[in-house]
Amino acid sequence: MPRLYKTVRPQASYFPIASDPEMDRHGESGIVSKSGLMLGLGETFEEIVEVLHDLKGVNCDIVTLGQYLSPSPQHVPIERFVHPDEFKELEQIGLEWDFLQSAQDP
Protein backbone atom coordinates (compact mmCIF):
# COMPACT_ATOMS: atom_id res chain seq x y z
CA MET A 1 0.00 0.00 0.00
CA PRO A 2 1.69 3.21 -1.11
CA ARG A 3 0.51 5.14 1.97
CA LEU A 4 2.15 2.68 4.38
CA TYR A 5 5.25 1.81 2.39
CA LYS A 6 7.68 4.24 4.02
CA THR A 7 6.55 3.18 7.51
CA VAL A 8 6.92 -0.53 6.85
CA ARG A 9 9.86 -0.48 4.42
CA PRO A 10 11.70 2.84 4.88
CA GLN A 11 14.64 1.65 2.76
CA ALA A 12 12.41 1.08 -0.31
CA SER A 13 9.83 2.85 -2.43
CA TYR A 14 6.52 1.70 -3.86
CA PHE A 15 6.61 1.41 -7.63
CA PRO A 16 5.39 -1.80 -9.25
CA ILE A 17 8.07 -2.91 -11.68
CA ALA A 18 6.90 -2.37 -15.21
CA SER A 19 6.99 -5.52 -17.27
CA ASP A 20 8.43 -5.79 -20.75
CA PRO A 21 5.55 -4.88 -23.12
CA GLU A 22 6.68 -7.69 -25.42
CA MET A 23 6.48 -10.29 -22.63
CA ASP A 24 3.74 -12.82 -23.28
CA ARG A 25 0.87 -12.94 -20.81
CA HIS A 26 0.58 -15.88 -18.40
CA GLY A 27 4.04 -17.25 -18.81
CA GLU A 28 3.79 -18.07 -22.50
CA SER A 29 7.34 -16.74 -22.73
CA GLY A 30 8.31 -19.06 -19.88
CA ILE A 31 8.42 -16.19 -17.40
CA VAL A 32 5.82 -16.04 -14.64
CA SER A 33 5.80 -13.08 -12.28
CA LYS A 34 4.65 -13.17 -8.65
CA SER A 35 4.11 -10.64 -5.92
CA GLY A 36 2.89 -10.89 -2.35
CA LEU A 37 1.08 -8.61 0.07
CA MET A 38 1.20 -8.71 3.84
CA LEU A 39 -2.07 -7.52 5.32
CA GLY A 40 -2.89 -6.22 8.77
CA LEU A 41 -0.63 -3.16 8.83
CA GLY A 42 -3.40 -0.57 8.76
CA GLU A 43 -4.32 -0.71 5.09
CA THR A 44 -7.90 -0.33 3.89
CA PHE A 45 -9.73 -2.77 1.67
CA GLU A 46 -9.73 -0.12 -1.07
CA GLU A 47 -5.95 0.27 -0.81
CA ILE A 48 -5.48 -3.48 -1.22
CA VAL A 49 -7.67 -3.47 -4.33
CA GLU A 50 -5.65 -0.50 -5.67
CA VAL A 51 -2.40 -2.47 -5.28
CA LEU A 52 -3.96 -5.50 -6.98
CA HIS A 53 -4.93 -3.16 -9.82
CA ASP A 54 -1.35 -1.83 -10.00
CA LEU A 55 0.00 -5.39 -10.13
CA LYS A 56 -2.46 -6.32 -12.85
CA GLY A 57 -1.29 -3.26 -14.78
CA VAL A 58 2.29 -4.57 -14.89
CA ASN A 59 1.23 -8.10 -15.91
CA CYS A 60 1.82 -9.78 -12.57
CA ASP A 61 0.67 -13.40 -12.94
CA ILE A 62 0.39 -14.59 -9.33
CA VAL A 63 -0.37 -12.70 -6.15
CA THR A 64 -0.27 -14.05 -2.61
CA LEU A 65 -1.99 -12.46 0.37
CA GLY A 66 -0.86 -13.15 3.92
CA GLN A 67 -1.46 -11.95 7.46
CA TYR A 68 1.40 -9.82 8.76
CA LEU A 69 2.79 -11.06 12.04
CA SER A 70 5.24 -8.77 13.79
CA PRO A 71 8.44 -10.75 14.40
CA SER A 72 9.46 -8.71 17.46
CA PRO A 73 8.46 -5.68 19.52
CA GLN A 74 11.00 -3.64 17.53
CA HIS A 75 9.10 -4.25 14.27
CA VAL A 76 5.95 -2.56 13.02
CA PRO A 77 3.04 -3.75 15.17
CA ILE A 78 0.02 -5.61 13.82
CA GLU A 79 -2.87 -3.19 13.35
CA ARG A 80 -5.53 -5.88 12.82
CA PHE A 81 -6.09 -9.51 12.10
CA VAL A 82 -7.69 -9.85 8.69
CA HIS A 83 -10.83 -11.97 8.76
CA PRO A 84 -10.75 -15.08 6.54
CA ASP A 85 -13.83 -13.80 4.69
CA GLU A 86 -11.87 -10.71 3.60
CA PHE A 87 -9.06 -12.93 2.33
CA LYS A 88 -11.62 -14.94 0.35
CA GLU A 89 -13.13 -11.78 -1.13
CA LEU A 90 -9.71 -10.49 -2.19
CA GLU A 91 -8.81 -13.88 -3.62
CA GLN A 92 -11.99 -13.81 -5.69
CA ILE A 93 -11.16 -10.32 -7.00
CA GLY A 94 -7.72 -11.55 -8.05
CA LEU A 95 -9.17 -14.52 -9.89
CA GLU A 96 -11.80 -12.36 -11.59
CA TRP A 97 -9.00 -10.05 -12.76
CA ASP A 98 -7.33 -13.01 -14.46
CA PHE A 99 -4.38 -13.58 -12.12
CA LEU A 100 -3.23 -17.17 -12.69
CA GLN A 101 -3.36 -17.70 -8.97
CA SER A 102 -4.62 -15.52 -6.16
CA ALA A 103 -3.57 -17.42 -3.08
CA GLN A 104 -4.56 -16.46 0.41
CA ASP A 105 -3.16 -17.50 3.74
CA PRO A 106 -5.43 -16.29 6.53
C-alpha atoms as a PDB file:
ATOM      1  CA  MET A   1       0.000   0.000   0.000  1.00  0.00           C
ATOM      2  CA  PRO A   2       1.693   3.212  -1.111  1.00  0.00           C
ATOM      3  CA  ARG A   3       0.512   5.143   1.974  1.00  0.00           C
ATOM      4  CA  LEU A   4       2.146   2.683   4.382  1.00  0.00           C
ATOM      5  CA  TYR A   5       5.253   1.805   2.389  1.00  0.00           C
ATOM      6  CA  LYS A   6       7.683   4.243   4.019  1.00  0.00           C
ATOM      7  CA  THR A   7       6.554   3.178   7.506  1.00  0.00           C
ATOM      8  CA  VAL A   8       6.921  -0.535   6.852  1.00  0.00           C
ATOM      9  CA  ARG A   9       9.865  -0.481   4.420  1.00  0.00           C
ATOM     10  CA  PRO A  10      11.696   2.839   4.880  1.00  0.00           C
ATOM     11  CA  GLN A  11      14.639   1.653   2.757  1.00  0.00           C
ATOM     12  CA  ALA A  12      12.413   1.081  -0.306  1.00  0.00           C
ATOM     13  CA  SER A  13       9.830   2.849  -2.428  1.00  0.00           C
ATOM     14  CA  TYR A  14       6.518   1.702  -3.863  1.00  0.00           C
ATOM     15  CA  PHE A  15       6.607   1.410  -7.630  1.00  0.00           C
ATOM     16  CA  PRO A  16       5.389  -1.802  -9.246  1.00  0.00           C
ATOM     17  CA  ILE A  17       8.072  -2.906 -11.678  1.00  0.00           C
ATOM     18  CA  ALA A  18       6.897  -2.369 -15.214  1.00  0.00           C
ATOM     19  CA  SER A  19       6.995  -5.518 -17.273  1.00  0.00           C
ATOM     20  CA  ASP A  20       8.429  -5.787 -20.755  1.00  0.00           C
ATOM     21  CA  PRO A  21       5.554  -4.879 -23.124  1.00  0.00           C
ATOM     22  CA  GLU A  22       6.678  -7.687 -25.417  1.00  0.00           C
ATOM     23  CA  MET A  23       6.479 -10.287 -22.634  1.00  0.00           C
ATOM     24  CA  ASP A  24       3.740 -12.824 -23.277  1.00  0.00           C
ATOM     25  CA  ARG A  25       0.870 -12.940 -20.813  1.00  0.00           C
ATOM     26  CA  HIS A  26       0.576 -15.882 -18.401  1.00  0.00           C
ATOM     27  CA  GLY A  27       4.042 -17.250 -18.809  1.00  0.00           C
ATOM     28  CA  GLU A  28       3.786 -18.071 -22.505  1.00  0.00           C
ATOM     29  CA  SER A  29       7.339 -16.741 -22.730  1.00  0.00           C
ATOM     30  CA  GLY A  30       8.309 -19.065 -19.877  1.00  0.00           C
ATOM     31  CA  ILE A  31       8.418 -16.195 -17.400  1.00  0.00           C
ATOM     32  CA  VAL A  32       5.819 -16.040 -14.637  1.00  0.00           C
ATOM     33  CA  SER A  33       5.796 -13.079 -12.279  1.00  0.00           C
ATOM     34  CA  LYS A  34       4.649 -13.169  -8.650  1.00  0.00           C
ATOM     35  CA  SER A  35       4.114 -10.635  -5.923  1.00  0.00           C
ATOM     36  CA  GLY A  36       2.888 -10.889  -2.354  1.00  0.00           C
ATOM     37  CA  LEU A  37       1.080  -8.608   0.066  1.00  0.00           C
ATOM     38  CA  MET A  38       1.204  -8.715   3.845  1.00  0.00           C
ATOM     39  CA  LEU A  39      -2.074  -7.517   5.319  1.00  0.00           C
ATOM     40  CA  GLY A  40      -2.889  -6.221   8.769  1.00  0.00           C
ATOM     41  CA  LEU A  41      -0.626  -3.164   8.826  1.00  0.00           C
ATOM     42  CA  GLY A  42      -3.400  -0.568   8.759  1.00  0.00           C
ATOM     43  CA  GLU A  43      -4.323  -0.710   5.086  1.00  0.00           C
ATOM     44  CA  THR A  44      -7.899  -0.334   3.894  1.00  0.00           C
ATOM     45  CA  PHE A  45      -9.733  -2.771   1.665  1.00  0.00           C
ATOM     46  CA  GLU A  46      -9.732  -0.122  -1.073  1.00  0.00           C
ATOM     47  CA  GLU A  47      -5.946   0.269  -0.815  1.00  0.00           C
ATOM     48  CA  ILE A  48      -5.484  -3.480  -1.220  1.00  0.00           C
ATOM     49  CA  VAL A  49      -7.667  -3.469  -4.331  1.00  0.00           C
ATOM     50  CA  GLU A  50      -5.648  -0.505  -5.669  1.00  0.00           C
ATOM     51  CA  VAL A  51      -2.400  -2.466  -5.277  1.00  0.00           C
ATOM     52  CA  LEU A  52      -3.956  -5.501  -6.984  1.00  0.00           C
ATOM     53  CA  HIS A  53      -4.928  -3.162  -9.824  1.00  0.00           C
ATOM     54  CA  ASP A  54      -1.347  -1.829 -10.005  1.00  0.00           C
ATOM     55  CA  LEU A  55       0.004  -5.390 -10.131  1.00  0.00           C
ATOM     56  CA  LYS A  56      -2.465  -6.322 -12.852  1.00  0.00           C
ATOM     57  CA  GLY A  57      -1.292  -3.261 -14.781  1.00  0.00           C
ATOM     58  CA  VAL A  58       2.286  -4.573 -14.892  1.00  0.00           C
ATOM     59  CA  ASN A  59       1.231  -8.096 -15.914  1.00  0.00           C
ATOM     60  CA  CYS A  60       1.821  -9.785 -12.569  1.00  0.00           C
ATOM     61  CA  ASP A  61       0.668 -13.399 -12.935  1.00  0.00           C
ATOM     62  CA  ILE A  62       0.395 -14.587  -9.330  1.00  0.00           C
ATOM     63  CA  VAL A  63      -0.373 -12.698  -6.148  1.00  0.00           C
ATOM     64  CA  THR A  64      -0.270 -14.051  -2.613  1.00  0.00           C
ATOM     65  CA  LEU A  65      -1.990 -12.464   0.369  1.00  0.00           C
ATOM     66  CA  GLY A  66      -0.865 -13.145   3.917  1.00  0.00           C
ATOM     67  CA  GLN A  67      -1.462 -11.952   7.456  1.00  0.00           C
ATOM     68  CA  TYR A  68       1.398  -9.817   8.756  1.00  0.00           C
ATOM     69  CA  LEU A  69       2.794 -11.058  12.044  1.00  0.00           C
ATOM     70  CA  SER A  70       5.239  -8.766  13.786  1.00  0.00           C
ATOM     71  CA  PRO A  71       8.445 -10.751  14.405  1.00  0.00           C
ATOM     72  CA  SER A  72       9.461  -8.707  17.458  1.00  0.00           C
ATOM     73  CA  PRO A  73       8.457  -5.676  19.524  1.00  0.00           C
ATOM     74  CA  GLN A  74      11.000  -3.640  17.529  1.00  0.00           C
ATOM     75  CA  HIS A  75       9.096  -4.255  14.273  1.00  0.00           C
ATOM     76  CA  VAL A  76       5.953  -2.565  13.016  1.00  0.00           C
ATOM     77  CA  PRO A  77       3.038  -3.750  15.169  1.00  0.00           C
ATOM     78  CA  ILE A  78       0.018  -5.608  13.824  1.00  0.00           C
ATOM     79  CA  GLU A  79      -2.874  -3.194  13.349  1.00  0.00           C
ATOM     80  CA  ARG A  80      -5.526  -5.878  12.821  1.00  0.00           C
ATOM     81  CA  PHE A  81      -6.086  -9.507  12.098  1.00  0.00           C
ATOM     82  CA  VAL A  82      -7.694  -9.851   8.690  1.00  0.00           C
ATOM     83  CA  HIS A  83     -10.835 -11.967   8.763  1.00  0.00           C
ATOM     84  CA  PRO A  84     -10.753 -15.078   6.535  1.00  0.00           C
ATOM     85  CA  ASP A  85     -13.830 -13.795   4.690  1.00  0.00           C
ATOM     86  CA  GLU A  86     -11.870 -10.709   3.600  1.00  0.00           C
ATOM     87  CA  PHE A  87      -9.055 -12.931   2.327  1.00  0.00           C
ATOM     88  CA  LYS A  88     -11.620 -14.938   0.348  1.00  0.00           C
ATOM     89  CA  GLU A  89     -13.134 -11.776  -1.130  1.00  0.00           C
ATOM     90  CA  LEU A  90      -9.708 -10.488  -2.188  1.00  0.00           C
ATOM     91  CA  GLU A  91      -8.807 -13.885  -3.616  1.00  0.00           C
ATOM     92  CA  GLN A  92     -11.990 -13.805  -5.694  1.00  0.00           C
ATOM     93  CA  ILE A  93     -11.159 -10.321  -7.002  1.00  0.00           C
ATOM     94  CA  GLY A  94      -7.721 -11.552  -8.049  1.00  0.00           C
ATOM     95  CA  LEU A  95      -9.166 -14.517  -9.894  1.00  0.00           C
ATOM     96  CA  GLU A  96     -11.797 -12.356 -11.589  1.00  0.00           C
ATOM     97  CA  TRP A  97      -8.998 -10.051 -12.760  1.00  0.00           C
ATOM     98  CA  ASP A  98      -7.326 -13.010 -14.459  1.00  0.00           C
ATOM     99  CA  PHE A  99      -4.382 -13.580 -12.123  1.00  0.00           C
ATOM    100  CA  LEU A 100      -3.229 -17.174 -12.689  1.00  0.00           C
ATOM    101  CA  GLN A 101      -3.364 -17.697  -8.968  1.00  0.00           C
ATOM    102  CA  SER A 102      -4.621 -15.518  -6.164  1.00  0.00           C
ATOM    103  CA  ALA A 103      -3.573 -17.419  -3.077  1.00  0.00           C
ATOM    104  CA  GLN A 104      -4.563 -16.463   0.413  1.00  0.00           C
ATOM    105  CA  ASP A 105      -3.155 -17.497   3.739  1.00  0.00           C
ATOM    106  CA  PRO A 106      -5.430 -16.287   6.534  1.00  0.00           C
END
